[in-house]
Amino acid sequence: MFRNVEPCSGLFDIEIPIVNGDTTAVVIRRLKRFSKDIKPRQVVSLWRYLDPLGGDRKLIGLKNPLENNESIPDSAQFKVDSQTGKIYLQNNGNTFCLGGTIVYRSSS
């Protein structure tokens, strides 16, 4: 699930498929195609929770909604474990579990 944490933006949670080997650019393009509320000229960035299990359960701060998140770089690749259904992020030799929620931010 992809979640927008920006207050008063009009963008909400959306589910899109992630395929093994997808890059950040491919996932952002797919997110823009599935969500018609994201305008073509808006810049979308992806973020991951620092705590993949409990991160999406914490209250979001109004002043700093991305406080418990880390930006997903453009060079990262998504890996999907089809047996467990978990999604992993691979970047510069490091692998991170993403949990069930990825945060996105859209800005003009």
N, C-alpha and C. Protein backbone atom coordinates (compact mmCIF):
# COMPACT_ATOMS: atom_id res chain seq x y z
N MET A 1 0.84 -1.17 0.00
CA MET A 1 0.00 0.00 0.00
C MET A 1 0.89 1.24 0.00
N PHE A 2 0.47 2.22 -0.73
CA PHE A 2 1.17 3.50 -0.78
C PHE A 2 0.33 4.52 -0.03
N ARG A 3 0.98 5.28 0.87
CA ARG A 3 0.26 6.21 1.73
C ARG A 3 0.86 7.61 1.60
N ASN A 4 -0.01 8.58 1.42
CA ASN A 4 0.41 9.98 1.42
C ASN A 4 0.17 10.53 2.81
N VAL A 5 1.22 11.07 3.42
CA VAL A 5 1.12 11.57 4.80
C VAL A 5 1.02 13.09 4.87
N GLU A 6 0.97 13.76 3.73
CA GLU A 6 0.85 15.21 3.72
C GLU A 6 -0.56 15.62 4.11
N PRO A 7 -0.72 16.49 5.11
CA PRO A 7 -2.06 16.92 5.50
C PRO A 7 -2.67 17.85 4.45
N CYS A 8 -3.97 17.72 4.27
CA CYS A 8 -4.77 18.59 3.38
C CYS A 8 -4.33 18.53 1.93
N SER A 9 -3.82 17.40 1.47
CA SER A 9 -3.37 17.31 0.08
C SER A 9 -4.42 16.70 -0.84
N GLY A 10 -5.36 15.96 -0.30
CA GLY A 10 -6.37 15.32 -1.13
C GLY A 10 -5.92 14.00 -1.72
N LEU A 11 -4.70 13.58 -1.43
CA LEU A 11 -4.19 12.29 -1.89
C LEU A 11 -4.24 11.31 -0.73
N PHE A 12 -4.64 10.10 -1.01
CA PHE A 12 -4.89 9.13 0.05
C PHE A 12 -4.10 7.85 -0.19
N ASP A 13 -4.49 6.78 0.49
CA ASP A 13 -3.86 5.48 0.30
C ASP A 13 -4.28 4.89 -1.04
N ILE A 14 -3.35 4.20 -1.67
CA ILE A 14 -3.62 3.54 -2.93
C ILE A 14 -2.79 2.27 -3.00
N GLU A 15 -3.36 1.24 -3.57
CA GLU A 15 -2.63 -0.01 -3.73
C GLU A 15 -2.26 -0.17 -5.20
N ILE A 16 -0.98 -0.39 -5.45
CA ILE A 16 -0.51 -0.67 -6.80
C ILE A 16 0.42 -1.87 -6.73
N PRO A 17 0.51 -2.64 -7.81
CA PRO A 17 1.40 -3.81 -7.79
C PRO A 17 2.86 -3.41 -7.94
N ILE A 18 3.73 -4.16 -7.28
CA ILE A 18 5.17 -3.99 -7.44
C ILE A 18 5.71 -5.32 -7.96
N VAL A 19 6.47 -5.25 -9.03
CA VAL A 19 7.02 -6.44 -9.68
C VAL A 19 8.49 -6.54 -9.29
N ASN A 20 8.98 -7.75 -9.17
CA ASN A 20 10.37 -7.99 -8.82
C ASN A 20 11.29 -7.31 -9.83
N GLY A 21 12.22 -6.49 -9.34
CA GLY A 21 13.16 -5.79 -10.20
C GLY A 21 12.74 -4.38 -10.58
N ASP A 22 11.59 -3.93 -10.13
CA ASP A 22 11.15 -2.55 -10.41
C ASP A 22 12.13 -1.55 -9.81
N THR A 23 12.34 -0.46 -10.50
CA THR A 23 13.14 0.63 -9.97
C THR A 23 12.20 1.69 -9.38
N THR A 24 12.78 2.66 -8.73
CA THR A 24 11.98 3.73 -8.13
C THR A 24 11.22 4.50 -9.21
N ALA A 25 11.85 4.77 -10.34
CA ALA A 25 11.20 5.51 -11.42
C ALA A 25 10.01 4.75 -11.98
N VAL A 26 10.12 3.44 -12.12
CA VAL A 26 9.02 2.62 -12.64
C VAL A 26 7.84 2.64 -11.67
N VAL A 27 8.12 2.53 -10.38
CA VAL A 27 7.06 2.53 -9.38
C VAL A 27 6.36 3.89 -9.33
N ILE A 28 7.12 4.97 -9.43
CA ILE A 28 6.52 6.31 -9.43
C ILE A 28 5.65 6.50 -10.67
N ARG A 29 6.11 6.04 -11.82
CA ARG A 29 5.32 6.14 -13.05
C ARG A 29 4.01 5.35 -12.91
N ARG A 30 4.09 4.17 -12.33
CA ARG A 30 2.89 3.35 -12.12
C ARG A 30 1.95 4.03 -11.12
N LEU A 31 2.50 4.64 -10.08
CA LEU A 31 1.69 5.35 -9.09
C LEU A 31 0.95 6.52 -9.74
N LYS A 32 1.62 7.26 -10.60
CA LYS A 32 0.97 8.38 -11.29
C LYS A 32 -0.13 7.89 -12.22
N ARG A 33 0.08 6.74 -12.84
CA ARG A 33 -0.92 6.21 -13.76
C ARG A 33 -2.15 5.70 -13.01
N PHE A 34 -1.96 5.10 -11.85
CA PHE A 34 -3.09 4.56 -11.08
C PHE A 34 -3.85 5.66 -10.35
N SER A 35 -3.17 6.69 -9.88
CA SER A 35 -3.82 7.77 -9.14
C SER A 35 -4.00 8.97 -10.05
N LYS A 36 -5.21 9.23 -10.43
CA LYS A 36 -5.49 10.35 -11.33
C LYS A 36 -5.42 11.69 -10.61
N ASP A 37 -5.34 11.68 -9.28
CA ASP A 37 -5.25 12.93 -8.52
C ASP A 37 -3.86 13.53 -8.56
N ILE A 38 -2.86 12.74 -8.92
CA ILE A 38 -1.50 13.26 -9.05
C ILE A 38 -1.37 13.86 -10.45
N LYS A 39 -1.10 15.13 -10.50
CA LYS A 39 -0.99 15.82 -11.79
C LYS A 39 0.32 15.46 -12.48
N PRO A 40 0.37 15.51 -13.81
CA PRO A 40 1.57 15.09 -14.54
C PRO A 40 2.83 15.87 -14.19
N ARG A 41 2.71 17.13 -13.84
CA ARG A 41 3.90 17.94 -13.54
C ARG A 41 4.36 17.85 -12.09
N GLN A 42 3.60 17.17 -11.26
CA GLN A 42 3.98 17.05 -9.86
C GLN A 42 5.14 16.07 -9.71
N VAL A 43 6.03 16.39 -8.79
CA VAL A 43 7.18 15.54 -8.50
C VAL A 43 6.80 14.61 -7.35
N VAL A 44 6.99 13.31 -7.56
CA VAL A 44 6.65 12.32 -6.55
C VAL A 44 7.93 11.71 -6.01
N SER A 45 8.02 11.60 -4.70
CA SER A 45 9.16 10.93 -4.07
C SER A 45 8.63 9.81 -3.17
N LEU A 46 9.40 8.74 -3.07
CA LEU A 46 9.02 7.59 -2.25
C LEU A 46 9.86 7.56 -0.98
N TRP A 47 9.24 7.14 0.10
CA TRP A 47 9.89 7.07 1.40
C TRP A 47 9.56 5.74 2.03
N ARG A 48 10.47 5.23 2.86
CA ARG A 48 10.22 3.99 3.59
C ARG A 48 10.23 4.29 5.08
N TYR A 49 9.45 3.51 5.83
CA TYR A 49 9.45 3.65 7.29
C TYR A 49 10.75 3.08 7.84
N LEU A 50 11.33 3.75 8.81
CA LEU A 50 12.53 3.24 9.47
C LEU A 50 12.21 1.97 10.25
N ASP A 51 11.00 1.88 10.78
CA ASP A 51 10.52 0.68 11.46
C ASP A 51 9.49 0.02 10.54
N PRO A 52 9.87 -1.04 9.80
CA PRO A 52 8.95 -1.60 8.81
C PRO A 52 7.71 -2.27 9.42
N LEU A 53 7.79 -2.71 10.66
CA LEU A 53 6.64 -3.39 11.27
C LEU A 53 5.68 -2.43 11.95
N GLY A 54 6.19 -1.45 12.69
CA GLY A 54 5.32 -0.56 13.44
C GLY A 54 5.26 0.85 12.92
N GLY A 55 5.98 1.15 11.86
CA GLY A 55 6.05 2.52 11.36
C GLY A 55 4.73 3.08 10.90
N ASP A 56 3.93 2.26 10.21
CA ASP A 56 2.66 2.76 9.70
C ASP A 56 1.57 2.79 10.78
N ARG A 57 1.89 2.33 11.98
CA ARG A 57 0.92 2.34 13.08
C ARG A 57 1.09 3.54 13.99
N LYS A 58 2.18 4.26 13.83
CA LYS A 58 2.43 5.43 14.68
C LYS A 58 1.65 6.63 14.16
N LEU A 59 1.34 7.54 15.07
CA LEU A 59 0.67 8.77 14.67
C LEU A 59 1.62 9.64 13.86
N ILE A 60 1.09 10.28 12.86
CA ILE A 60 1.89 11.13 11.98
C ILE A 60 1.92 12.53 12.55
N GLY A 61 3.11 13.10 12.68
CA GLY A 61 3.24 14.46 13.19
C GLY A 61 2.78 15.47 12.16
N LEU A 62 2.07 16.49 12.60
CA LEU A 62 1.54 17.49 11.69
C LEU A 62 2.63 18.40 11.14
N LYS A 63 3.62 18.74 11.96
CA LYS A 63 4.68 19.65 11.53
C LYS A 63 5.73 18.95 10.69
N ASN A 64 6.00 17.69 10.97
CA ASN A 64 7.01 16.94 10.22
C ASN A 64 6.47 15.54 9.93
N PRO A 65 5.66 15.38 8.87
CA PRO A 65 5.03 14.08 8.62
C PRO A 65 6.01 12.99 8.18
N LEU A 66 7.20 13.36 7.74
CA LEU A 66 8.19 12.37 7.28
C LEU A 66 9.27 12.12 8.32
N GLU A 67 8.93 12.36 9.58
CA GLU A 67 9.90 12.28 10.67
C GLU A 67 10.48 10.87 10.84
N ASN A 68 9.67 9.84 10.74
CA ASN A 68 10.11 8.47 10.96
C ASN A 68 10.37 7.73 9.65
N ASN A 69 10.68 8.48 8.60
CA ASN A 69 10.86 7.88 7.28
C ASN A 69 12.24 8.21 6.72
N GLU A 70 12.62 7.42 5.71
CA GLU A 70 13.87 7.65 4.99
C GLU A 70 13.57 7.63 3.50
N SER A 71 14.15 8.55 2.78
CA SER A 71 13.90 8.67 1.35
C SER A 71 14.44 7.44 0.61
N ILE A 72 13.69 6.98 -0.39
CA ILE A 72 14.13 5.88 -1.23
C ILE A 72 14.84 6.49 -2.43
N PRO A 73 16.13 6.20 -2.62
CA PRO A 73 16.88 6.81 -3.73
C PRO A 73 16.44 6.27 -5.09
N ASP A 74 16.75 7.03 -6.14
CA ASP A 74 16.38 6.63 -7.49
C ASP A 74 17.10 5.37 -7.95
N SER A 75 18.24 5.08 -7.37
CA SER A 75 19.02 3.92 -7.80
C SER A 75 18.56 2.61 -7.16
N ALA A 76 17.57 2.67 -6.28
CA ALA A 76 17.12 1.48 -5.55
C ALA A 76 16.25 0.59 -6.43
N GLN A 77 16.28 -0.71 -6.12
CA GLN A 77 15.45 -1.69 -6.81
C GLN A 77 14.58 -2.40 -5.79
N PHE A 78 13.37 -2.75 -6.21
CA PHE A 78 12.44 -3.47 -5.36
C PHE A 78 12.55 -4.95 -5.66
N LYS A 79 12.61 -5.75 -4.61
CA LYS A 79 12.66 -7.21 -4.73
C LYS A 79 11.44 -7.78 -4.02
N VAL A 80 10.74 -8.68 -4.67
CA VAL A 80 9.53 -9.27 -4.12
C VAL A 80 9.78 -10.75 -3.84
N ASP A 81 9.51 -11.16 -2.61
CA ASP A 81 9.59 -12.57 -2.25
C ASP A 81 8.20 -13.16 -2.44
N SER A 82 8.02 -13.94 -3.48
CA SER A 82 6.69 -14.43 -3.83
C SER A 82 6.16 -15.45 -2.82
N GLN A 83 7.04 -16.11 -2.10
CA GLN A 83 6.58 -17.11 -1.12
C GLN A 83 6.00 -16.46 0.13
N THR A 84 6.64 -15.42 0.60
CA THR A 84 6.16 -14.75 1.82
C THR A 84 5.32 -13.52 1.52
N GLY A 85 5.43 -12.98 0.31
CA GLY A 85 4.69 -11.77 -0.05
C GLY A 85 5.32 -10.49 0.45
N LYS A 86 6.54 -10.57 0.95
CA LYS A 86 7.22 -9.38 1.47
C LYS A 86 7.96 -8.66 0.34
N ILE A 87 8.07 -7.35 0.51
CA ILE A 87 8.77 -6.51 -0.46
C ILE A 87 10.02 -5.97 0.20
N TYR A 88 11.13 -6.08 -0.52
CA TYR A 88 12.42 -5.62 -0.02
C TYR A 88 12.95 -4.53 -0.94
N LEU A 89 13.77 -3.67 -0.38
CA LEU A 89 14.41 -2.60 -1.13
C LEU A 89 15.90 -2.89 -1.14
N GLN A 90 16.48 -2.90 -2.34
CA GLN A 90 17.90 -3.17 -2.47
C GLN A 90 18.58 -1.92 -3.02
N ASN A 91 19.60 -1.44 -2.27
CA ASN A 91 20.30 -0.23 -2.68
C ASN A 91 21.74 -0.30 -2.19
N ASN A 92 22.69 -0.15 -3.11
CA ASN A 92 24.13 -0.15 -2.79
C ASN A 92 24.55 -1.36 -1.96
N GLY A 93 24.02 -2.52 -2.27
CA GLY A 93 24.39 -3.73 -1.55
C GLY A 93 23.63 -3.95 -0.26
N ASN A 94 22.85 -3.00 0.18
CA ASN A 94 22.05 -3.13 1.40
C ASN A 94 20.62 -3.53 1.04
N THR A 95 20.02 -4.36 1.87
CA THR A 95 18.65 -4.79 1.65
C THR A 95 17.81 -4.41 2.87
N PHE A 96 16.67 -3.77 2.62
CA PHE A 96 15.77 -3.33 3.68
C PHE A 96 14.39 -3.92 3.44
N CYS A 97 13.75 -4.38 4.51
CA CYS A 97 12.36 -4.83 4.42
C CYS A 97 11.47 -3.59 4.46
N LEU A 98 10.47 -3.54 3.57
CA LEU A 98 9.62 -2.36 3.51
C LEU A 98 8.34 -2.50 4.32
N GLY A 99 8.02 -3.68 4.78
CA GLY A 99 6.76 -3.85 5.50
C GLY A 99 5.59 -3.78 4.54
N GLY A 100 4.45 -3.34 5.01
CA GLY A 100 3.26 -3.31 4.18
C GLY A 100 2.93 -1.96 3.58
N THR A 101 3.66 -0.91 3.95
CA THR A 101 3.31 0.44 3.51
C THR A 101 4.54 1.20 3.05
N ILE A 102 4.40 1.87 1.91
CA ILE A 102 5.42 2.77 1.39
C ILE A 102 4.79 4.17 1.37
N VAL A 103 5.52 5.15 1.82
CA VAL A 103 5.02 6.52 1.86
C VAL A 103 5.41 7.24 0.57
N TYR A 104 4.48 8.01 0.03
CA TYR A 104 4.81 8.85 -1.13
C TYR A 104 4.45 10.29 -0.83
N ARG A 105 5.19 11.18 -1.48
CA ARG A 105 4.96 12.61 -1.31
C ARG A 105 4.91 13.25 -2.68
N SER A 106 3.91 14.05 -2.91
CA SER A 106 3.73 14.71 -4.19
C SER A 106 3.82 16.21 -3.99
N SER A 107 4.69 16.84 -4.77
CA SER A 107 4.84 18.29 -4.67
C SER A 107 4.92 18.89 -6.06
N SER A 108 4.48 20.12 -6.18
CA SER A 108 4.48 20.77 -7.50
C SER A 108 5.72 21.59 -7.74
